[in-house]
PDB file of N, CA and C in Angstrom:
ATOM      1  N   MET A   1     -14.333 -49.336 -33.245  1.00  0.00           N
ATOM      2  CA  MET A   1     -14.216 -50.442 -32.309  1.00  0.00           C
ATOM      3  C   MET A   1     -14.085 -51.747 -33.100  1.00  0.00           C
ATOM      4  N   THR A   2     -13.328 -52.642 -32.542  1.00  0.00           N
ATOM      5  CA  THR A   2     -13.202 -53.946 -33.180  1.00  0.00           C
ATOM      6  C   THR A   2     -14.392 -54.816 -32.789  1.00  0.00           C
ATOM      7  N   PRO A   3     -14.654 -55.893 -33.516  1.00  0.00           N
ATOM      8  CA  PRO A   3     -15.744 -56.784 -33.137  1.00  0.00           C
ATOM      9  C   PRO A   3     -15.586 -57.345 -31.710  1.00  0.00           C
ATOM     10  N   VAL A   4     -14.362 -57.623 -31.309  1.00  0.00           N
ATOM     11  CA  VAL A   4     -14.136 -58.131 -29.955  1.00  0.00           C
ATOM     12  C   VAL A   4     -14.495 -57.055 -28.902  1.00  0.00           C
ATOM     13  N   GLN A   5     -14.119 -55.814 -29.184  1.00  0.00           N
ATOM     14  CA  GLN A   5     -14.443 -54.728 -28.264  1.00  0.00           C
ATOM     15  C   GLN A   5     -15.950 -54.500 -28.176  1.00  0.00           C
ATOM     16  N   VAL A   6     -16.603 -54.573 -29.315  1.00  0.00           N
ATOM     17  CA  VAL A   6     -18.069 -54.413 -29.336  1.00  0.00           C
ATOM     18  C   VAL A   6     -18.730 -55.506 -28.518  1.00  0.00           C
ATOM     19  N   ALA A   7     -18.281 -56.756 -28.721  1.00  0.00           N
ATOM     20  CA  ALA A   7     -18.864 -57.864 -27.976  1.00  0.00           C
ATOM     21  C   ALA A   7     -18.638 -57.719 -26.473  1.00  0.00           C
ATOM     22  N   ALA A   8     -17.433 -57.281 -26.094  1.00  0.00           N
ATOM     23  CA  ALA A   8     -17.129 -57.100 -24.675  1.00  0.00           C
ATOM     24  C   ALA A   8     -17.993 -55.990 -24.072  1.00  0.00           C
ATOM     25  N   ALA A   9     -18.116 -54.874 -24.784  1.00  0.00           N
ATOM     26  CA  ALA A   9     -18.944 -53.763 -24.291  1.00  0.00           C
ATOM     27  C   ALA A   9     -20.389 -54.187 -24.217  1.00  0.00           C
ATOM     28  N   ALA A  10     -20.885 -54.887 -25.220  1.00  0.00           N
ATOM     29  CA  ALA A  10     -22.289 -55.312 -25.229  1.00  0.00           C
ATOM     30  C   ALA A  10     -22.582 -56.260 -24.064  1.00  0.00           C
ATOM     31  N   SER A  11     -21.684 -57.167 -23.776  1.00  0.00           N
ATOM     32  CA  SER A  11     -21.921 -58.094 -22.675  1.00  0.00           C
ATOM     33  C   SER A  11     -21.919 -57.365 -21.329  1.00  0.00           C
ATOM     34  N   GLN A  12     -21.097 -56.345 -21.180  1.00  0.00           N
ATOM     35  CA  GLN A  12     -21.088 -55.586 -19.923  1.00  0.00           C
ATOM     36  C   GLN A  12     -22.343 -54.717 -19.811  1.00  0.00           C
ATOM     37  N   LEU A  13     -22.792 -54.156 -20.914  1.00  0.00           N
ATOM     38  CA  LEU A  13     -23.979 -53.284 -20.879  1.00  0.00           C
ATOM     39  C   LEU A  13     -25.267 -54.086 -20.747  1.00  0.00           C
ATOM     40  N   ALA A  14     -25.265 -55.331 -21.239  1.00  0.00           N
ATOM     41  CA  ALA A  14     -26.488 -56.142 -21.267  1.00  0.00           C
ATOM     42  C   ALA A  14     -27.048 -56.399 -19.869  1.00  0.00           C
ATOM     43  N   VAL A  15     -26.195 -56.449 -18.872  1.00  0.00           N
ATOM     44  CA  VAL A  15     -26.670 -56.748 -17.517  1.00  0.00           C
ATOM     45  C   VAL A  15     -27.151 -55.521 -16.758  1.00  0.00           C
ATOM     46  N   LEU A  16     -26.903 -54.326 -17.305  1.00  0.00           N
ATOM     47  CA  LEU A  16     -27.316 -53.100 -16.638  1.00  0.00           C
ATOM     48  C   LEU A  16     -28.766 -52.755 -16.955  1.00  0.00           C
ATOM     49  N   THR A  17     -29.454 -52.290 -15.938  1.00  0.00           N
ATOM     50  CA  THR A  17     -30.822 -51.784 -16.124  1.00  0.00           C
ATOM     51  C   THR A  17     -30.759 -50.271 -16.199  1.00  0.00           C
ATOM     52  N   GLU A  18     -31.855 -49.676 -16.594  1.00  0.00           N
ATOM     53  CA  GLU A  18     -31.914 -48.211 -16.622  1.00  0.00           C
ATOM     54  C   GLU A  18     -31.702 -47.661 -15.222  1.00  0.00           C
ATOM     55  N   ASP A  19     -32.267 -48.330 -14.220  1.00  0.00           N
ATOM     56  CA  ASP A  19     -32.067 -47.882 -12.834  1.00  0.00           C
ATOM     57  C   ASP A  19     -30.593 -47.911 -12.437  1.00  0.00           C
ATOM     58  N   ASP A  20     -29.868 -48.955 -12.877  1.00  0.00           N
ATOM     59  CA  ASP A  20     -28.441 -49.030 -12.592  1.00  0.00           C
ATOM     60  C   ASP A  20     -27.727 -47.807 -13.167  1.00  0.00           C
ATOM     61  N   LEU A  21     -28.026 -47.468 -14.407  1.00  0.00           N
ATOM     62  CA  LEU A  21     -27.363 -46.328 -15.054  1.00  0.00           C
ATOM     63  C   LEU A  21     -27.686 -45.024 -14.350  1.00  0.00           C
ATOM     64  N   ILE A  22     -28.946 -44.857 -13.999  1.00  0.00           N
ATOM     65  CA  ILE A  22     -29.341 -43.613 -13.308  1.00  0.00           C
ATOM     66  C   ILE A  22     -28.676 -43.518 -11.952  1.00  0.00           C
ATOM     67  N   ARG A  23     -28.643 -44.622 -11.226  1.00  0.00           N
ATOM     68  CA  ARG A  23     -28.023 -44.627  -9.897  1.00  0.00           C
ATOM     69  C   ARG A  23     -26.530 -44.305  -9.972  1.00  0.00           C
ATOM     70  N   ARG A  24     -25.869 -44.757 -11.030  1.00  0.00           N
ATOM     71  CA  ARG A  24     -24.428 -44.565 -11.160  1.00  0.00           C
ATOM     72  C   ARG A  24     -24.046 -43.217 -11.782  1.00  0.00           C
ATOM     73  N   ALA A  25     -25.004 -42.524 -12.346  1.00  0.00           N
ATOM     74  CA  ALA A  25     -24.709 -41.253 -13.006  1.00  0.00           C
ATOM     75  C   ALA A  25     -24.342 -40.187 -11.965  1.00  0.00           C
ATOM     76  N   ASP A  26     -23.297 -39.482 -12.240  1.00  0.00           N
ATOM     77  CA  ASP A  26     -22.869 -38.359 -11.395  1.00  0.00           C
ATOM     78  C   ASP A  26     -22.954 -37.104 -12.259  1.00  0.00           C
ATOM     79  N   PRO A  27     -24.053 -36.330 -12.098  1.00  0.00           N
ATOM     80  CA  PRO A  27     -24.249 -35.148 -12.938  1.00  0.00           C
ATOM     81  C   PRO A  27     -23.079 -34.192 -12.924  1.00  0.00           C
ATOM     82  N   GLN A  28     -22.457 -34.008 -11.770  1.00  0.00           N
ATOM     83  CA  GLN A  28     -21.325 -33.078 -11.705  1.00  0.00           C
ATOM     84  C   GLN A  28     -20.136 -33.611 -12.520  1.00  0.00           C
ATOM     85  N   GLU A  29     -19.901 -34.916 -12.453  1.00  0.00           N
ATOM     86  CA  GLU A  29     -18.781 -35.490 -13.236  1.00  0.00           C
ATOM     87  C   GLU A  29     -19.087 -35.382 -14.721  1.00  0.00           C
ATOM     88  N   LEU A  30     -20.330 -35.636 -15.147  1.00  0.00           N
ATOM     89  CA  LEU A  30     -20.688 -35.517 -16.545  1.00  0.00           C
ATOM     90  C   LEU A  30     -20.536 -34.069 -17.023  1.00  0.00           C
ATOM     91  N   ASN A  31     -20.907 -33.113 -16.179  1.00  0.00           N
ATOM     92  CA  ASN A  31     -20.708 -31.707 -16.538  1.00  0.00           C
ATOM     93  C   ASN A  31     -19.233 -31.357 -16.671  1.00  0.00           C
ATOM     94  N   ARG A  32     -18.419 -31.835 -15.707  1.00  0.00           N
ATOM     95  CA  ARG A  32     -16.952 -31.571 -15.759  1.00  0.00           C
ATOM     96  C   ARG A  32     -16.353 -32.152 -17.016  1.00  0.00           C
ATOM     97  N   ALA A  33     -16.806 -33.327 -17.423  1.00  0.00           N
ATOM     98  CA  ALA A  33     -16.283 -34.009 -18.602  1.00  0.00           C
ATOM     99  C   ALA A  33     -16.912 -33.460 -19.892  1.00  0.00           C
ATOM    100  N   GLU A  34     -17.846 -32.543 -19.747  1.00  0.00           N
ATOM    101  CA  GLU A  34     -18.551 -31.937 -20.871  1.00  0.00           C
ATOM    102  C   GLU A  34     -19.235 -32.994 -21.744  1.00  0.00           C
ATOM    103  N   ILE A  35     -19.714 -34.043 -21.085  1.00  0.00           N
ATOM    104  CA  ILE A  35     -20.462 -35.072 -21.807  1.00  0.00           C
ATOM    105  C   ILE A  35     -21.908 -34.632 -21.998  1.00  0.00           C
ATOM    106  N   TYR A  36     -22.468 -34.033 -20.962  1.00  0.00           N
ATOM    107  CA  TYR A  36     -23.836 -33.579 -21.014  1.00  0.00           C
ATOM    108  C   TYR A  36     -23.931 -32.290 -20.212  1.00  0.00           C
ATOM    109  N   PRO A  37     -23.167 -31.243 -20.607  1.00  0.00           N
ATOM    110  CA  PRO A  37     -22.995 -30.066 -19.758  1.00  0.00           C
ATOM    111  C   PRO A  37     -24.232 -29.291 -19.465  1.00  0.00           C
ATOM    112  N   GLY A  38     -24.441 -29.066 -18.167  1.00  0.00           N
ATOM    113  CA  GLY A  38     -25.501 -28.185 -17.713  1.00  0.00           C
ATOM    114  C   GLY A  38     -26.917 -28.639 -17.944  1.00  0.00           C
ATOM    115  N   ARG A  39     -27.121 -29.885 -18.341  1.00  0.00           N
ATOM    116  CA  ARG A  39     -28.479 -30.301 -18.690  1.00  0.00           C
ATOM    117  C   ARG A  39     -28.990 -31.467 -17.855  1.00  0.00           C
ATOM    118  N   MET A  40     -28.171 -32.021 -16.969  1.00  0.00           N
ATOM    119  CA  MET A  40     -28.630 -33.171 -16.165  1.00  0.00           C
ATOM    120  C   MET A  40     -29.830 -32.728 -15.330  1.00  0.00           C
ATOM    121  N   GLY A  41     -30.875 -33.538 -15.376  1.00  0.00           N
ATOM    122  CA  GLY A  41     -32.064 -33.271 -14.590  1.00  0.00           C
ATOM    123  C   GLY A  41     -33.028 -32.288 -15.221  1.00  0.00           C
ATOM    124  N   ASN A  42     -32.750 -31.846 -16.422  1.00  0.00           N
ATOM    125  CA  ASN A  42     -33.637 -30.912 -17.106  1.00  0.00           C
ATOM    126  C   ASN A  42     -34.896 -31.649 -17.605  1.00  0.00           C
ATOM    127  N   THR A  43     -36.040 -31.379 -16.979  1.00  0.00           N
ATOM    128  CA  THR A  43     -37.240 -32.105 -17.333  1.00  0.00           C
ATOM    129  C   THR A  43     -38.119 -31.354 -18.333  1.00  0.00           C
ATOM    130  N   ARG A  44     -37.714 -30.155 -18.701  1.00  0.00           N
ATOM    131  CA  ARG A  44     -38.558 -29.356 -19.593  1.00  0.00           C
ATOM    132  C   ARG A  44     -38.684 -29.966 -20.980  1.00  0.00           C
ATOM    133  N   ARG A  45     -37.641 -30.570 -21.489  1.00  0.00           N
ATOM    134  CA  ARG A  45     -37.656 -31.014 -22.879  1.00  0.00           C
ATOM    135  C   ARG A  45     -38.417 -32.323 -23.069  1.00  0.00           C
ATOM    136  N   THR A  46     -38.212 -33.304 -22.184  1.00  0.00           N
ATOM    137  CA  THR A  46     -38.807 -34.617 -22.403  1.00  0.00           C
ATOM    138  C   THR A  46     -39.865 -34.963 -21.379  1.00  0.00           C
ATOM    139  N   GLY A  47     -39.915 -34.227 -20.287  1.00  0.00           N
ATOM    140  CA  GLY A  47     -40.887 -34.520 -19.245  1.00  0.00           C
ATOM    141  C   GLY A  47     -40.441 -35.623 -18.294  1.00  0.00           C
ATOM    142  N   VAL A  48     -39.341 -36.270 -18.576  1.00  0.00           N
ATOM    143  CA  VAL A  48     -38.875 -37.323 -17.681  1.00  0.00           C
ATOM    144  C   VAL A  48     -37.427 -37.121 -17.249  1.00  0.00           C
ATOM    145  N   GLY A  49     -36.846 -36.006 -17.575  1.00  0.00           N
ATOM    146  CA  GLY A  49     -35.505 -35.711 -17.109  1.00  0.00           C
ATOM    147  C   GLY A  49     -34.394 -36.212 -18.010  1.00  0.00           C
ATOM    148  N   GLY A  50     -34.743 -36.837 -19.123  1.00  0.00           N
ATOM    149  CA  GLY A  50     -33.725 -37.347 -20.015  1.00  0.00           C
ATOM    150  C   GLY A  50     -33.525 -36.449 -21.230  1.00  0.00           C
ATOM    151  N   PRO A  51     -32.515 -36.777 -22.005  1.00  0.00           N
ATOM    152  CA  PRO A  51     -32.227 -35.936 -23.183  1.00  0.00           C
ATOM    153  C   PRO A  51     -33.203 -36.206 -24.314  1.00  0.00           C
ATOM    154  N   SER A  52     -33.326 -35.222 -25.190  1.00  0.00           N
ATOM    155  CA  SER A  52     -34.117 -35.410 -26.406  1.00  0.00           C
ATOM    156  C   SER A  52     -33.348 -36.370 -27.309  1.00  0.00           C
ATOM    157  N   PRO A  53     -33.998 -36.920 -28.338  1.00  0.00           N
ATOM    158  CA  PRO A  53     -33.267 -37.809 -29.252  1.00  0.00           C
ATOM    159  C   PRO A  53     -32.011 -37.178 -29.853  1.00  0.00           C
ATOM    160  N   ALA A  54     -32.096 -35.903 -30.243  1.00  0.00           N
ATOM    161  CA  ALA A  54     -30.924 -35.234 -30.810  1.00  0.00           C
ATOM    162  C   ALA A  54     -29.824 -35.082 -29.775  1.00  0.00           C
ATOM    163  N   GLU A  55     -30.196 -34.754 -28.536  1.00  0.00           N
ATOM    164  CA  GLU A  55     -29.179 -34.611 -27.468  1.00  0.00           C
ATOM    165  C   GLU A  55     -28.572 -35.958 -27.144  1.00  0.00           C
ATOM    166  N   ARG A  56     -29.401 -37.030 -27.176  1.00  0.00           N
ATOM    167  CA  ARG A  56     -28.929 -38.372 -26.900  1.00  0.00           C
ATOM    168  C   ARG A  56     -27.865 -38.788 -27.949  1.00  0.00           C
ATOM    169  N   SER A  57     -28.126 -38.477 -29.223  1.00  0.00           N
ATOM    170  CA  SER A  57     -27.167 -38.797 -30.275  1.00  0.00           C
ATOM    171  C   SER A  57     -25.858 -38.051 -30.061  1.00  0.00           C
ATOM    172  N   LYS A  58     -25.974 -36.758 -29.711  1.00  0.00           N
ATOM    173  CA  LYS A  58     -24.780 -35.946 -29.462  1.00  0.00           C
ATOM    174  C   LYS A  58     -23.989 -36.512 -28.281  1.00  0.00           C
ATOM    175  N   LEU A  59     -24.675 -36.894 -27.228  1.00  0.00           N
ATOM    176  CA  LEU A  59     -24.047 -37.481 -26.065  1.00  0.00           C
ATOM    177  C   LEU A  59     -23.303 -38.768 -26.425  1.00  0.00           C
ATOM    178  N   LEU A  60     -23.917 -39.640 -27.179  1.00  0.00           N
ATOM    179  CA  LEU A  60     -23.293 -40.888 -27.569  1.00  0.00           C
ATOM    180  C   LEU A  60     -22.055 -40.650 -28.440  1.00  0.00           C
ATOM    181  N   ARG A  61     -22.129 -39.664 -29.337  1.00  0.00           N
ATOM    182  CA  ARG A  61     -20.953 -39.317 -30.156  1.00  0.00           C
ATOM    183  C   ARG A  61     -19.786 -38.846 -29.275  1.00  0.00           C
ATOM    184  N   ARG A  62     -20.091 -38.018 -28.281  1.00  0.00           N
ATOM    185  CA  ARG A  62     -19.040 -37.520 -27.381  1.00  0.00           C
ATOM    186  C   ARG A  62     -18.433 -38.691 -26.586  1.00  0.00           C
ATOM    187  N   ILE A  63     -19.260 -39.571 -26.087  1.00  0.00           N
ATOM    188  CA  ILE A  63     -18.770 -40.713 -25.317  1.00  0.00           C
ATOM    189  C   ILE A  63     -17.861 -41.591 -26.178  1.00  0.00           C
ATOM    190  N   ARG A  64     -18.289 -41.853 -27.406  1.00  0.00           N
ATOM    191  CA  ARG A  64     -17.502 -42.690 -28.329  1.00  0.00           C
ATOM    192  C   ARG A  64     -16.152 -42.032 -28.615  1.00  0.00           C
ATOM    193  N   ARG A  65     -16.153 -40.707 -28.871  1.00  0.00           N
ATOM    194  CA  ARG A  65     -14.879 -40.015 -29.124  1.00  0.00           C
ATOM    195  C   ARG A  65     -13.960 -40.117 -27.927  1.00  0.00           C
ATOM    196  N   ARG A  66     -14.490 -39.886 -26.733  1.00  0.00           N
ATOM    197  CA  ARG A  66     -13.650 -39.943 -25.531  1.00  0.00           C
ATOM    198  C   ARG A  66     -13.157 -41.346 -25.283  1.00  0.00           C
ATOM    199  N   TRP A  67     -13.990 -42.351 -25.574  1.00  0.00           N
ATOM    200  CA  TRP A  67     -13.587 -43.751 -25.372  1.00  0.00           C
ATOM    201  C   TRP A  67     -12.458 -44.083 -26.327  1.00  0.00           C
ATOM    202  N   ARG A  68     -12.573 -43.659 -27.578  1.00  0.00           N
ATOM    203  CA  ARG A  68     -11.535 -43.951 -28.584  1.00  0.00           C
ATOM    204  C   ARG A  68     -10.221 -43.292 -28.208  1.00  0.00           C
ATOM    205  N   ARG A  69     -10.277 -42.100 -27.637  1.00  0.00           N
ATOM    206  CA  ARG A  69      -9.045 -41.406 -27.215  1.00  0.00           C
ATOM    207  C   ARG A  69      -8.441 -42.012 -25.948  1.00  0.00           C
ATOM    208  N   GLY A  70      -9.201 -42.862 -25.286  1.00  0.00           N
ATOM    209  CA  GLY A  70      -8.734 -43.466 -24.048  1.00  0.00           C
ATOM    210  C   GLY A  70      -9.042 -42.632 -22.824  1.00  0.00           C
ATOM    211  N   ASP A  71      -9.929 -41.629 -22.961  1.00  0.00           N
ATOM    212  CA  ASP A  71     -10.274 -40.771 -21.827  1.00  0.00           C
ATOM    213  C   ASP A  71     -11.219 -41.459 -20.857  1.00  0.00           C
ATOM    214  N   LEU A  72     -11.893 -42.507 -21.313  1.00  0.00           N
ATOM    215  CA  LEU A  72     -12.833 -43.200 -20.445  1.00  0.00           C
ATOM    216  C   LEU A  72     -12.306 -44.619 -20.171  1.00  0.00           C
ATOM    217  N   ALA A  73     -12.448 -45.038 -18.919  1.00  0.00           N
ATOM    218  CA  ALA A  73     -12.012 -46.404 -18.567  1.00  0.00           C
ATOM    219  C   ALA A  73     -13.014 -47.399 -19.118  1.00  0.00           C
ATOM    220  N   ALA A  74     -12.529 -48.539 -19.527  1.00  0.00           N
ATOM    221  CA  ALA A  74     -13.391 -49.585 -20.066  1.00  0.00           C
ATOM    222  C   ALA A  74     -14.157 -50.279 -18.948  1.00  0.00           C
TER     223      ALA A  74
END
């Protein structure tokens, strides 16, 4: 990402709360996109329904790859 792209993404993300992200998440769409397949809502690992740190890193890598390919809208 270029510095301008990073700044634009950061400014858009800065206004979002965790509740905003959770409300906007569509588990079925994430599964179809293989961003977080079959694990949405799994509370066994963390106790709060979120990914483990390793899963979170993997998820972010997938999102970055898809964003770079243009598969995700800005």
